[in-house]
Amino acid sequence: AKEQVFFDTFNRFSTRSLYNWALPMGSRLYSRWEIDRLLDGADLELAE
């Protein structure tokens, strides 16, 4: 990427946690701390 990276995540502390129990594969859920760490590691600045 030259300018921008955009992505979405499912959140750890939400109703998604309950829904995950019913899923055959589950989903990876993220806390805000994990997102901040990922962005720092990738050298990305959160714009919005």
All heavy atoms as atom14 arrays in JSON, in Angstrom:
{
  "sequence": "AKEQVFFDTFNRFSTRSLYNWALPMGSRLYSRWEIDRLLDGADLELAE",
  "atom14_mask": [
    [1, 1, 1, 1, 1, 0, 0, 0, 0, 0, 0, 0, 0, 0],
    [1, 1, 1, 1, 1, 1, 1, 1, 1, 0, 0, 0, 0, 0],
    [1, 1, 1, 1, 1, 1, 1, 1, 1, 0, 0, 0, 0, 0],
    [1, 1, 1, 1, 1, 1, 1, 1, 1, 0, 0, 0, 0, 0],
    [1, 1, 1, 1, 1, 1, 1, 0, 0, 0, 0, 0, 0, 0],
    [1, 1, 1, 1, 1, 1, 1, 1, 1, 1, 1, 0, 0, 0],
    [1, 1, 1, 1, 1, 1, 1, 1, 1, 1, 1, 0, 0, 0],
    [1, 1, 1, 1, 1, 1, 1, 1, 0, 0, 0, 0, 0, 0],
    [1, 1, 1, 1, 1, 1, 1, 0, 0, 0, 0, 0, 0, 0],
    [1, 1, 1, 1, 1, 1, 1, 1, 1, 1, 1, 0, 0, 0],
    [1, 1, 1, 1, 1, 1, 1, 1, 0, 0, 0, 0, 0, 0],
    [1, 1, 1, 1, 1, 1, 1, 1, 1, 1, 1, 0, 0, 0],
    [1, 1, 1, 1, 1, 1, 1, 1, 1, 1, 1, 0, 0, 0],
    [1, 1, 1, 1, 1, 1, 0, 0, 0, 0, 0, 0, 0, 0],
    [1, 1, 1, 1, 1, 1, 1, 0, 0, 0, 0, 0, 0, 0],
    [1, 1, 1, 1, 1, 1, 1, 1, 1, 1, 1, 0, 0, 0],
    [1, 1, 1, 1, 1, 1, 0, 0, 0, 0, 0, 0, 0, 0],
    [1, 1, 1, 1, 1, 1, 1, 1, 0, 0, 0, 0, 0, 0],
    [1, 1, 1, 1, 1, 1, 1, 1, 1, 1, 1, 1, 0, 0],
    [1, 1, 1, 1, 1, 1, 1, 1, 0, 0, 0, 0, 0, 0],
    [1, 1, 1, 1, 1, 1, 1, 1, 1, 1, 1, 1, 1, 1],
    [1, 1, 1, 1, 1, 0, 0, 0, 0, 0, 0, 0, 0, 0],
    [1, 1, 1, 1, 1, 1, 1, 1, 0, 0, 0, 0, 0, 0],
    [1, 1, 1, 1, 1, 1, 1, 0, 0, 0, 0, 0, 0, 0],
    [1, 1, 1, 1, 1, 1, 1, 1, 0, 0, 0, 0, 0, 0],
    [1, 1, 1, 1, 0, 0, 0, 0, 0, 0, 0, 0, 0, 0],
    [1, 1, 1, 1, 1, 1, 0, 0, 0, 0, 0, 0, 0, 0],
    [1, 1, 1, 1, 1, 1, 1, 1, 1, 1, 1, 0, 0, 0],
    [1, 1, 1, 1, 1, 1, 1, 1, 0, 0, 0, 0, 0, 0],
    [1, 1, 1, 1, 1, 1, 1, 1, 1, 1, 1, 1, 0, 0],
    [1, 1, 1, 1, 1, 1, 0, 0, 0, 0, 0, 0, 0, 0],
    [1, 1, 1, 1, 1, 1, 1, 1, 1, 1, 1, 0, 0, 0],
    [1, 1, 1, 1, 1, 1, 1, 1, 1, 1, 1, 1, 1, 1],
    [1, 1, 1, 1, 1, 1, 1, 1, 1, 0, 0, 0, 0, 0],
    [1, 1, 1, 1, 1, 1, 1, 1, 0, 0, 0, 0, 0, 0],
    [1, 1, 1, 1, 1, 1, 1, 1, 0, 0, 0, 0, 0, 0],
    [1, 1, 1, 1, 1, 1, 1, 1, 1, 1, 1, 0, 0, 0],
    [1, 1, 1, 1, 1, 1, 1, 1, 0, 0, 0, 0, 0, 0],
    [1, 1, 1, 1, 1, 1, 1, 1, 0, 0, 0, 0, 0, 0],
    [1, 1, 1, 1, 1, 1, 1, 1, 0, 0, 0, 0, 0, 0],
    [1, 1, 1, 1, 0, 0, 0, 0, 0, 0, 0, 0, 0, 0],
    [1, 1, 1, 1, 1, 0, 0, 0, 0, 0, 0, 0, 0, 0],
    [1, 1, 1, 1, 1, 1, 1, 1, 0, 0, 0, 0, 0, 0],
    [1, 1, 1, 1, 1, 1, 1, 1, 0, 0, 0, 0, 0, 0],
    [1, 1, 1, 1, 1, 1, 1, 1, 1, 0, 0, 0, 0, 0],
    [1, 1, 1, 1, 1, 1, 1, 1, 0, 0, 0, 0, 0, 0],
    [1, 1, 1, 1, 1, 0, 0, 0, 0, 0, 0, 0, 0, 0],
    [1, 1, 1, 1, 1, 1, 1, 1, 1, 0, 0, 0, 0, 0]
  ],
  "atom14_positions": [
    [[0.83, -1.21, 0.0], [0.0, 0.0, 0.0], [0.86, 1.25, 0.0], [1.81, 1.38, 0.78], [-0.92, 0.01, 1.21], [0.0, 0.0, 0.0], [0.0, 0.0, 0.0], [0.0, 0.0, 0.0], [0.0, 0.0, 0.0], [0.0, 0.0, 0.0], [0.0, 0.0, 0.0], [0.0, 0.0, 0.0], [0.0, 0.0, 0.0], [0.0, 0.0, 0.0]],
    [[0.48, 2.18, -0.85], [1.18, 3.46, -0.92], [0.62, 4.47, 0.07], [1.36, 5.28, 0.65], [1.06, 4.03, -2.34], [1.92, 5.23, -2.64], [1.58, 5.79, -4.03], [1.65, 4.71, -5.1], [1.3, 5.25, -6.45], [0.0, 0.0, 0.0], [0.0, 0.0, 0.0], [0.0, 0.0, 0.0], [0.0, 0.0, 0.0], [0.0, 0.0, 0.0]],
    [[-0.71, 4.43, 0.28], [-1.35, 5.47, 1.08], [-2.24, 4.95, 2.21], [-2.21, 5.48, 3.32], [-2.21, 6.38, 0.17], [-1.42, 7.08, -0.91], [-2.33, 7.81, -1.9], [-3.56, 7.79, -1.71], [-1.8, 8.39, -2.87], [0.0, 0.0, 0.0], [0.0, 0.0, 0.0], [0.0, 0.0, 0.0], [0.0, 0.0, 0.0], [0.0, 0.0, 0.0]],
    [[-3.05, 3.92, 1.94], [-4.16, 3.59, 2.84], [-4.36, 2.08, 2.94], [-4.24, 1.36, 1.95], [-5.44, 4.24, 2.31], [-6.69, 4.0, 3.13], [-7.93, 4.56, 2.45], [-8.03, 4.57, 1.23], [-8.88, 5.05, 3.23], [0.0, 0.0, 0.0], [0.0, 0.0, 0.0], [0.0, 0.0, 0.0], [0.0, 0.0, 0.0], [0.0, 0.0, 0.0]],
    [[-4.68, 1.64, 4.17], [-5.11, 0.26, 4.42], [-6.4, 0.33, 5.22], [-6.48, 1.01, 6.24], [-4.04, -0.53, 5.18], [-4.58, -1.92, 5.56], [-2.76, -0.66, 4.37], [0.0, 0.0, 0.0], [0.0, 0.0, 0.0], [0.0, 0.0, 0.0], [0.0, 0.0, 0.0], [0.0, 0.0, 0.0], [0.0, 0.0, 0.0], [0.0, 0.0, 0.0]],
    [[-7.42, -0.39, 4.76], [-8.72, -0.4, 5.43], [-9.15, -1.84, 5.68], [-9.06, -2.69, 4.78], [-9.77, 0.32, 4.57], [-11.14, 0.31, 5.17], [-11.44, 1.11, 6.26], [-12.14, -0.5, 4.65], [-12.71, 1.11, 6.82], [-13.41, -0.5, 5.2], [-13.7, 0.3, 6.29], [0.0, 0.0, 0.0], [0.0, 0.0, 0.0], [0.0, 0.0, 0.0]],
    [[-9.63, -2.12, 6.9], [-10.07, -3.48, 7.22], [-11.07, -3.44, 8.36], [-11.22, -2.41, 9.03], [-8.88, -4.38, 7.57], [-8.12, -3.98, 8.8], [-8.3, -4.65, 10.0], [-7.21, -2.93, 8.77], [-7.59, -4.3, 11.14], [-6.48, -2.57, 9.9], [-6.68, -3.25, 11.1], [0.0, 0.0, 0.0], [0.0, 0.0, 0.0], [0.0, 0.0, 0.0]],
    [[-11.75, -4.55, 8.56], [-12.7, -4.66, 9.67], [-12.33, -5.83, 10.56], [-11.61, -6.75, 10.15], [-14.14, -4.8, 9.16], [-14.39, -6.11, 8.44], [-13.43, -6.7, 7.89], [-15.55, -6.57, 8.4], [0.0, 0.0, 0.0], [0.0, 0.0, 0.0], [0.0, 0.0, 0.0], [0.0, 0.0, 0.0], [0.0, 0.0, 0.0], [0.0, 0.0, 0.0]],
    [[-12.84, -5.81, 11.79], [-12.62, -6.9, 12.74], [-13.88, -7.14, 13.55], [-14.73, -6.26, 13.67], [-11.47, -6.59, 13.73], [-11.77, -5.36, 14.43], [-10.13, -6.45, 13.02], [0.0, 0.0, 0.0], [0.0, 0.0, 0.0], [0.0, 0.0, 0.0], [0.0, 0.0, 0.0], [0.0, 0.0, 0.0], [0.0, 0.0, 0.0], [0.0, 0.0, 0.0]],
    [[-13.97, -8.33, 14.12], [-14.99, -8.64, 15.12], [-14.4, -8.41, 16.5], [-13.23, -8.74, 16.74], [-15.47, -10.08, 14.99], [-16.26, -10.35, 13.73], [-16.1, -11.53, 13.03], [-17.19, -9.43, 13.27], [-16.84, -11.79, 11.89], [-17.93, -9.68, 12.12], [-17.75, -10.86, 11.43], [0.0, 0.0, 0.0], [0.0, 0.0, 0.0], [0.0, 0.0, 0.0]],
    [[-15.21, -7.88, 17.41], [-14.7, -7.44, 18.7], [-14.88, -8.47, 19.8], [-15.91, -9.12, 19.91], [-15.38, -6.12, 19.08], [-15.08, -5.03, 18.08], [-13.99, -4.99, 17.51], [-16.04, -4.15, 17.85], [0.0, 0.0, 0.0], [0.0, 0.0, 0.0], [0.0, 0.0, 0.0], [0.0, 0.0, 0.0], [0.0, 0.0, 0.0], [0.0, 0.0, 0.0]],
    [[-13.85, -8.55, 20.63], [-13.8, -9.57, 21.68], [-14.88, -9.35, 22.74], [-15.56, -10.29, 23.16], [-12.41, -9.56, 22.34], [-12.22, -10.66, 23.37], [-10.79, -10.69, 23.87], [-9.83, -10.9, 22.81], [-9.56, -12.08, 22.23], [-10.25, -13.15, 22.59], [-8.66, -12.17, 21.28], [0.0, 0.0, 0.0], [0.0, 0.0, 0.0], [0.0, 0.0, 0.0]],
    [[-15.06, -8.14, 23.19], [-15.99, -7.88, 24.3], [-17.32, -7.38, 23.73], [-17.64, -6.19, 23.82], [-15.37, -6.88, 25.27], [-14.02, -7.34, 25.78], [-12.86, -6.71, 25.36], [-13.93, -8.42, 26.64], [-11.62, -7.15, 25.83], [-12.7, -8.86, 27.1], [-11.54, -8.23, 26.69], [0.0, 0.0, 0.0], [0.0, 0.0, 0.0], [0.0, 0.0, 0.0]],
    [[-18.06, -8.3, 23.13], [-19.31, -7.94, 22.46], [-20.19, -9.17, 22.38], [-19.79, -10.28, 22.79], [-19.02, -7.41, 21.05], [-18.56, -8.47, 20.22], [0.0, 0.0, 0.0], [0.0, 0.0, 0.0], [0.0, 0.0, 0.0], [0.0, 0.0, 0.0], [0.0, 0.0, 0.0], [0.0, 0.0, 0.0], [0.0, 0.0, 0.0], [0.0, 0.0, 0.0]],
    [[-21.39, -8.99, 21.81], [-22.29, -10.13, 21.63], [-21.7, -11.15, 20.66], [-22.16, -12.3, 20.62], [-23.65, -9.66, 21.09], [-23.43, -8.86, 19.92], [-24.4, -8.85, 22.14], [0.0, 0.0, 0.0], [0.0, 0.0, 0.0], [0.0, 0.0, 0.0], [0.0, 0.0, 0.0], [0.0, 0.0, 0.0], [0.0, 0.0, 0.0], [0.0, 0.0, 0.0]],
    [[-20.71, -10.76, 19.89], [-20.06, -11.71, 18.98], [-19.45, -12.88, 19.77], [-19.37, -14.0, 19.26], [-18.99, -11.0, 18.16], [-18.3, -11.88, 17.13], [-19.17, -12.16, 15.94], [-18.65, -13.25, 15.14], [-19.07, -13.54, 13.92], [-20.0, -12.81, 13.34], [-18.57, -14.56, 13.25], [0.0, 0.0, 0.0], [0.0, 0.0, 0.0], [0.0, 0.0, 0.0]],
    [[-19.01, -12.63, 20.98], [-18.43, -13.69, 21.81], [-19.44, -14.8, 22.05], [-19.11, -15.99, 22.0], [-17.95, -13.12, 23.14], [-16.94, -12.16, 22.94], [0.0, 0.0, 0.0], [0.0, 0.0, 0.0], [0.0, 0.0, 0.0], [0.0, 0.0, 0.0], [0.0, 0.0, 0.0], [0.0, 0.0, 0.0], [0.0, 0.0, 0.0], [0.0, 0.0, 0.0]],
    [[-20.69, -14.42, 22.31], [-21.74, -15.41, 22.53], [-22.06, -16.14, 21.23], [-22.24, -17.36, 21.21], [-23.0, -14.72, 23.07], [-22.83, -13.95, 24.39], [-24.12, -13.21, 24.73], [-22.46, -14.91, 25.51], [0.0, 0.0, 0.0], [0.0, 0.0, 0.0], [0.0, 0.0, 0.0], [0.0, 0.0, 0.0], [0.0, 0.0, 0.0], [0.0, 0.0, 0.0]],
    [[-22.14, -15.41, 20.16], [-22.46, -15.99, 18.86], [-21.39, -16.99, 18.43], [-21.68, -18.01, 17.79], [-22.61, -14.86, 17.84], [-22.92, -15.3, 16.44], [-24.07, -16.02, 16.14], [-22.06, -14.97, 15.39], [-24.36, -16.41, 14.84], [-22.35, -15.35, 14.09], [-23.5, -16.07, 13.82], [-23.77, -16.45, 12.54], [0.0, 0.0, 0.0], [0.0, 0.0, 0.0]],
    [[-20.15, -16.72, 18.78], [-19.04, -17.58, 18.4], [-19.22, -19.02, 18.9], [-18.75, -19.96, 18.28], [-17.72, -17.02, 18.97], [-16.86, -16.41, 17.88], [-17.37, -16.03, 16.84], [-15.58, -16.32, 18.12], [0.0, 0.0, 0.0], [0.0, 0.0, 0.0], [0.0, 0.0, 0.0], [0.0, 0.0, 0.0], [0.0, 0.0, 0.0], [0.0, 0.0, 0.0]],
    [[-19.84, -19.17, 20.04], [-20.03, -20.5, 20.59], [-20.83, -21.4, 19.66], [-20.67, -22.61, 19.66], [-20.75, -20.42, 21.94], [-19.93, -19.79, 23.01], [-18.6, -19.5, 22.98], [-20.4, -19.35, 24.29], [-18.21, -18.9, 24.15], [-19.29, -18.8, 24.97], [-21.65, -19.36, 24.92], [-19.39, -18.28, 26.27], [-21.74, -18.84, 26.2], [-20.63, -18.3, 26.86]],
    [[-21.71, -20.8, 18.87], [-22.59, -21.58, 17.99], [-21.99, -21.83, 16.61], [-22.57, -22.56, 15.81], [-23.94, -20.87, 17.84], [0.0, 0.0, 0.0], [0.0, 0.0, 0.0], [0.0, 0.0, 0.0], [0.0, 0.0, 0.0], [0.0, 0.0, 0.0], [0.0, 0.0, 0.0], [0.0, 0.0, 0.0], [0.0, 0.0, 0.0], [0.0, 0.0, 0.0]],
    [[-20.85, -21.21, 16.32], [-20.27, -21.34, 14.99], [-19.38, -22.58, 14.91], [-18.64, -22.87, 15.85], [-19.42, -20.11, 14.66], [-20.17, -18.8, 14.47], [-19.18, -17.67, 14.27], [-21.12, -18.88, 13.29], [0.0, 0.0, 0.0], [0.0, 0.0, 0.0], [0.0, 0.0, 0.0], [0.0, 0.0, 0.0], [0.0, 0.0, 0.0], [0.0, 0.0, 0.0]],
    [[-19.42, -23.29, 13.79], [-18.58, -24.49, 13.67], [-17.08, -24.18, 13.68], [-16.3, -24.97, 14.18], [-19.01, -25.09, 12.32], [-19.66, -23.97, 11.58], [-20.28, -23.09, 12.62], [0.0, 0.0, 0.0], [0.0, 0.0, 0.0], [0.0, 0.0, 0.0], [0.0, 0.0, 0.0], [0.0, 0.0, 0.0], [0.0, 0.0, 0.0], [0.0, 0.0, 0.0]],
    [[-16.68, -23.02, 13.12], [-15.27, -22.67, 13.08], [-14.91, -21.58, 14.07], [-13.75, -21.37, 14.39], [-14.89, -22.19, 11.67], [-14.93, -23.26, 10.62], [-14.39, -22.64, 9.03], [-15.58, -21.36, 8.7], [0.0, 0.0, 0.0], [0.0, 0.0, 0.0], [0.0, 0.0, 0.0], [0.0, 0.0, 0.0], [0.0, 0.0, 0.0], [0.0, 0.0, 0.0]],
    [[-15.91, -20.86, 14.55], [-15.61, -19.73, 15.4], [-15.01, -18.6, 14.6], [-14.85, -18.66, 13.39], [0.0, 0.0, 0.0], [0.0, 0.0, 0.0], [0.0, 0.0, 0.0], [0.0, 0.0, 0.0], [0.0, 0.0, 0.0], [0.0, 0.0, 0.0], [0.0, 0.0, 0.0], [0.0, 0.0, 0.0], [0.0, 0.0, 0.0], [0.0, 0.0, 0.0]],
    [[-14.65, -17.52, 15.28], [-14.03, -16.37, 14.64], [-12.94, -15.84, 15.55], [-13.05, -15.96, 16.78], [-15.06, -15.25, 14.4], [-16.07, -15.66, 13.53], [0.0, 0.0, 0.0], [0.0, 0.0, 0.0], [0.0, 0.0, 0.0], [0.0, 0.0, 0.0], [0.0, 0.0, 0.0], [0.0, 0.0, 0.0], [0.0, 0.0, 0.0], [0.0, 0.0, 0.0]],
    [[-11.94, -15.26, 14.96], [-10.94, -14.58, 15.77], [-11.51, -13.23, 16.19], [-11.95, -12.44, 15.36], [-9.64, -14.38, 14.98], [-8.51, -13.87, 15.86], [-7.23, -13.64, 15.06], [-6.15, -13.32, 15.97], [-5.19, -14.17, 16.32], [-5.19, -15.4, 15.83], [-4.24, -13.8, 17.14], [0.0, 0.0, 0.0], [0.0, 0.0, 0.0], [0.0, 0.0, 0.0]],
    [[-11.51, -12.97, 17.49], [-12.03, -11.71, 18.03], [-10.87, -10.88, 18.54], [-9.87, -11.4, 19.04], [-13.03, -12.0, 19.16], [-14.17, -12.95, 18.82], [-15.09, -13.14, 20.02], [-14.97, -12.46, 17.62], [0.0, 0.0, 0.0], [0.0, 0.0, 0.0], [0.0, 0.0, 0.0], [0.0, 0.0, 0.0], [0.0, 0.0, 0.0], [0.0, 0.0, 0.0]],
    [[-11.02, -9.55, 18.45], [-9.92, -8.65, 18.77], [-10.33, -7.64, 19.84], [-11.41, -7.05, 19.78], [-9.5, -7.87, 17.52], [-8.93, -8.72, 16.42], [-9.76, -9.42, 15.55], [-7.55, -8.83, 16.24], [-9.23, -10.2, 14.52], [-7.01, -9.61, 15.22], [-7.87, -10.3, 14.37], [-7.34, -11.08, 13.36], [0.0, 0.0, 0.0], [0.0, 0.0, 0.0]],
    [[-9.43, -7.42, 20.77], [-9.59, -6.32, 21.72], [-8.94, -5.07, 21.12], [-8.17, -5.15, 20.16], [-8.91, -6.66, 23.05], [-7.5, -6.71, 22.88], [0.0, 0.0, 0.0], [0.0, 0.0, 0.0], [0.0, 0.0, 0.0], [0.0, 0.0, 0.0], [0.0, 0.0, 0.0], [0.0, 0.0, 0.0], [0.0, 0.0, 0.0], [0.0, 0.0, 0.0]],
    [[-9.23, -3.93, 21.71], [-8.62, -2.69, 21.22], [-7.1, -2.74, 21.38], [-6.35, -2.25, 20.53], [-9.2, -1.49, 21.95], [-8.6, -0.15, 21.52], [-8.73, 0.02, 19.99], [-8.04, 1.16, 19.49], [-8.62, 2.36, 19.3], [-9.9, 2.52, 19.58], [-7.94, 3.35, 18.82], [0.0, 0.0, 0.0], [0.0, 0.0, 0.0], [0.0, 0.0, 0.0]],
    [[-6.65, -3.34, 22.47], [-5.2, -3.46, 22.69], [-4.55, -4.26, 21.56], [-3.47, -3.89, 21.07], [-4.95, -4.15, 24.03], [-3.5, -4.4, 24.31], [-2.59, -3.52, 24.81], [-2.78, -5.63, 24.07], [-1.35, -4.11, 24.91], [-1.44, -5.41, 24.45], [-3.14, -6.88, 23.58], [-0.47, -6.39, 24.37], [-2.17, -7.87, 23.48], [-0.86, -7.62, 23.87]],
    [[-5.2, -5.32, 21.11], [-4.65, -6.12, 20.01], [-4.6, -5.34, 18.71], [-3.63, -5.45, 17.95], [-5.48, -7.39, 19.84], [-5.3, -8.39, 20.97], [-6.29, -9.55, 20.88], [-7.51, -9.28, 20.96], [-5.84, -10.69, 20.72], [0.0, 0.0, 0.0], [0.0, 0.0, 0.0], [0.0, 0.0, 0.0], [0.0, 0.0, 0.0], [0.0, 0.0, 0.0]],
    [[-5.62, -4.54, 18.45], [-5.62, -3.73, 17.23], [-4.49, -2.7, 17.27], [-3.75, -2.52, 16.29], [-6.97, -3.02, 17.05], [-8.07, -4.04, 16.76], [-6.9, -1.98, 15.93], [-7.89, -4.83, 15.49], [0.0, 0.0, 0.0], [0.0, 0.0, 0.0], [0.0, 0.0, 0.0], [0.0, 0.0, 0.0], [0.0, 0.0, 0.0], [0.0, 0.0, 0.0]],
    [[-4.33, -2.03, 18.4], [-3.24, -1.05, 18.53], [-1.88, -1.71, 18.3], [-1.01, -1.14, 17.63], [-3.28, -0.4, 19.91], [-4.44, 0.57, 20.07], [-4.99, 1.01, 19.04], [-4.81, 0.88, 21.21], [0.0, 0.0, 0.0], [0.0, 0.0, 0.0], [0.0, 0.0, 0.0], [0.0, 0.0, 0.0], [0.0, 0.0, 0.0], [0.0, 0.0, 0.0]],
    [[-1.73, -2.91, 18.82], [-0.46, -3.62, 18.65], [-0.23, -4.0, 17.19], [0.88, -3.87, 16.66], [-0.44, -4.87, 19.52], [0.91, -5.59, 19.53], [0.91, -6.78, 20.47], [-0.05, -7.79, 20.02], [-0.15, -9.0, 20.56], [0.62, -9.34, 21.58], [-1.03, -9.88, 20.11], [0.0, 0.0, 0.0], [0.0, 0.0, 0.0], [0.0, 0.0, 0.0]],
    [[-1.29, -4.44, 16.52], [-1.18, -4.79, 15.1], [-0.8, -3.58, 14.25], [0.06, -3.67, 13.36], [-2.5, -5.38, 14.59], [-2.83, -6.81, 14.99], [-4.25, -7.15, 14.57], [-1.85, -7.79, 14.35], [0.0, 0.0, 0.0], [0.0, 0.0, 0.0], [0.0, 0.0, 0.0], [0.0, 0.0, 0.0], [0.0, 0.0, 0.0], [0.0, 0.0, 0.0]],
    [[-1.44, -2.45, 14.52], [-1.15, -1.25, 13.73], [0.27, -0.77, 13.97], [0.97, -0.37, 13.03], [-2.15, -0.14, 14.07], [-3.62, -0.43, 13.73], [-4.48, 0.79, 14.06], [-3.79, -0.82, 12.27], [0.0, 0.0, 0.0], [0.0, 0.0, 0.0], [0.0, 0.0, 0.0], [0.0, 0.0, 0.0], [0.0, 0.0, 0.0], [0.0, 0.0, 0.0]],
    [[0.71, -0.8, 15.22], [2.09, -0.41, 15.53], [3.09, -1.32, 14.82], [4.08, -0.86, 14.25], [2.34, -0.45, 17.04], [1.67, 0.7, 17.77], [1.28, 1.68, 17.1], [1.54, 0.62, 19.01], [0.0, 0.0, 0.0], [0.0, 0.0, 0.0], [0.0, 0.0, 0.0], [0.0, 0.0, 0.0], [0.0, 0.0, 0.0], [0.0, 0.0, 0.0]],
    [[2.8, -2.61, 14.85], [3.7, -3.58, 14.23], [3.8, -3.42, 12.73], [4.84, -3.69, 12.12], [0.0, 0.0, 0.0], [0.0, 0.0, 0.0], [0.0, 0.0, 0.0], [0.0, 0.0, 0.0], [0.0, 0.0, 0.0], [0.0, 0.0, 0.0], [0.0, 0.0, 0.0], [0.0, 0.0, 0.0], [0.0, 0.0, 0.0], [0.0, 0.0, 0.0]],
    [[2.71, -2.99, 12.11], [2.68, -2.81, 10.65], [3.07, -1.4, 10.24], [3.08, -1.1, 9.03], [1.29, -3.15, 10.11], [0.0, 0.0, 0.0], [0.0, 0.0, 0.0], [0.0, 0.0, 0.0], [0.0, 0.0, 0.0], [0.0, 0.0, 0.0], [0.0, 0.0, 0.0], [0.0, 0.0, 0.0], [0.0, 0.0, 0.0], [0.0, 0.0, 0.0]],
    [[3.36, -0.54, 11.19], [3.73, 0.85, 10.9], [2.6, 1.58, 10.17], [2.81, 2.26, 9.16], [5.02, 0.89, 10.09], [5.7, 2.26, 10.14], [5.45, 3.0, 11.12], [6.49, 2.58, 9.23], [0.0, 0.0, 0.0], [0.0, 0.0, 0.0], [0.0, 0.0, 0.0], [0.0, 0.0, 0.0], [0.0, 0.0, 0.0], [0.0, 0.0, 0.0]],
    [[1.39, 1.43, 10.73], [0.21, 2.09, 10.19], [-0.34, 3.08, 11.2], [-0.33, 2.81, 12.41], [-0.88, 1.06, 9.84], [-0.62, 0.17, 8.63], [-1.61, -0.99, 8.6], [-0.71, 0.98, 7.33], [0.0, 0.0, 0.0], [0.0, 0.0, 0.0], [0.0, 0.0, 0.0], [0.0, 0.0, 0.0], [0.0, 0.0, 0.0], [0.0, 0.0, 0.0]],
    [[-0.81, 4.23, 10.71], [-1.4, 5.24, 11.57], [-2.92, 5.19, 11.47], [-3.47, 5.23, 10.36], [-0.92, 6.64, 11.16], [0.57, 6.86, 11.37], [0.99, 8.26, 10.95], [0.17, 8.97, 10.32], [2.14, 8.64, 11.24], [0.0, 0.0, 0.0], [0.0, 0.0, 0.0], [0.0, 0.0, 0.0], [0.0, 0.0, 0.0], [0.0, 0.0, 0.0]],
    [[-3.6, 5.1, 12.59], [-5.05, 5.06, 12.59], [-5.59, 6.45, 12.27], [-5.37, 7.4, 13.02], [-5.57, 4.58, 13.95], [-7.09, 4.43, 14.07], [-7.62, 3.4, 13.07], [-7.47, 4.04, 15.49], [0.0, 0.0, 0.0], [0.0, 0.0, 0.0], [0.0, 0.0, 0.0], [0.0, 0.0, 0.0], [0.0, 0.0, 0.0], [0.0, 0.0, 0.0]],
    [[-6.31, 6.56, 11.17], [-6.88, 7.84, 10.76], [-8.31, 7.99, 11.25], [-8.73, 9.09, 11.63], [-6.85, 7.97, 9.24], [0.0, 0.0, 0.0], [0.0, 0.0, 0.0], [0.0, 0.0, 0.0], [0.0, 0.0, 0.0], [0.0, 0.0, 0.0], [0.0, 0.0, 0.0], [0.0, 0.0, 0.0], [0.0, 0.0, 0.0], [0.0, 0.0, 0.0]],
    [[-9.06, 6.89, 11.24], [-10.46, 6.95, 11.62], [-10.93, 5.55, 11.99], [-10.48, 4.56, 11.42], [-11.29, 7.5, 10.46], [-12.75, 7.75, 10.79], [-13.51, 8.31, 9.6], [-12.97, 8.28, 8.47], [-14.65, 8.77, 9.79], [0.0, 0.0, 0.0], [0.0, 0.0, 0.0], [0.0, 0.0, 0.0], [0.0, 0.0, 0.0], [0.0, 0.0, 0.0]]
  ]
}
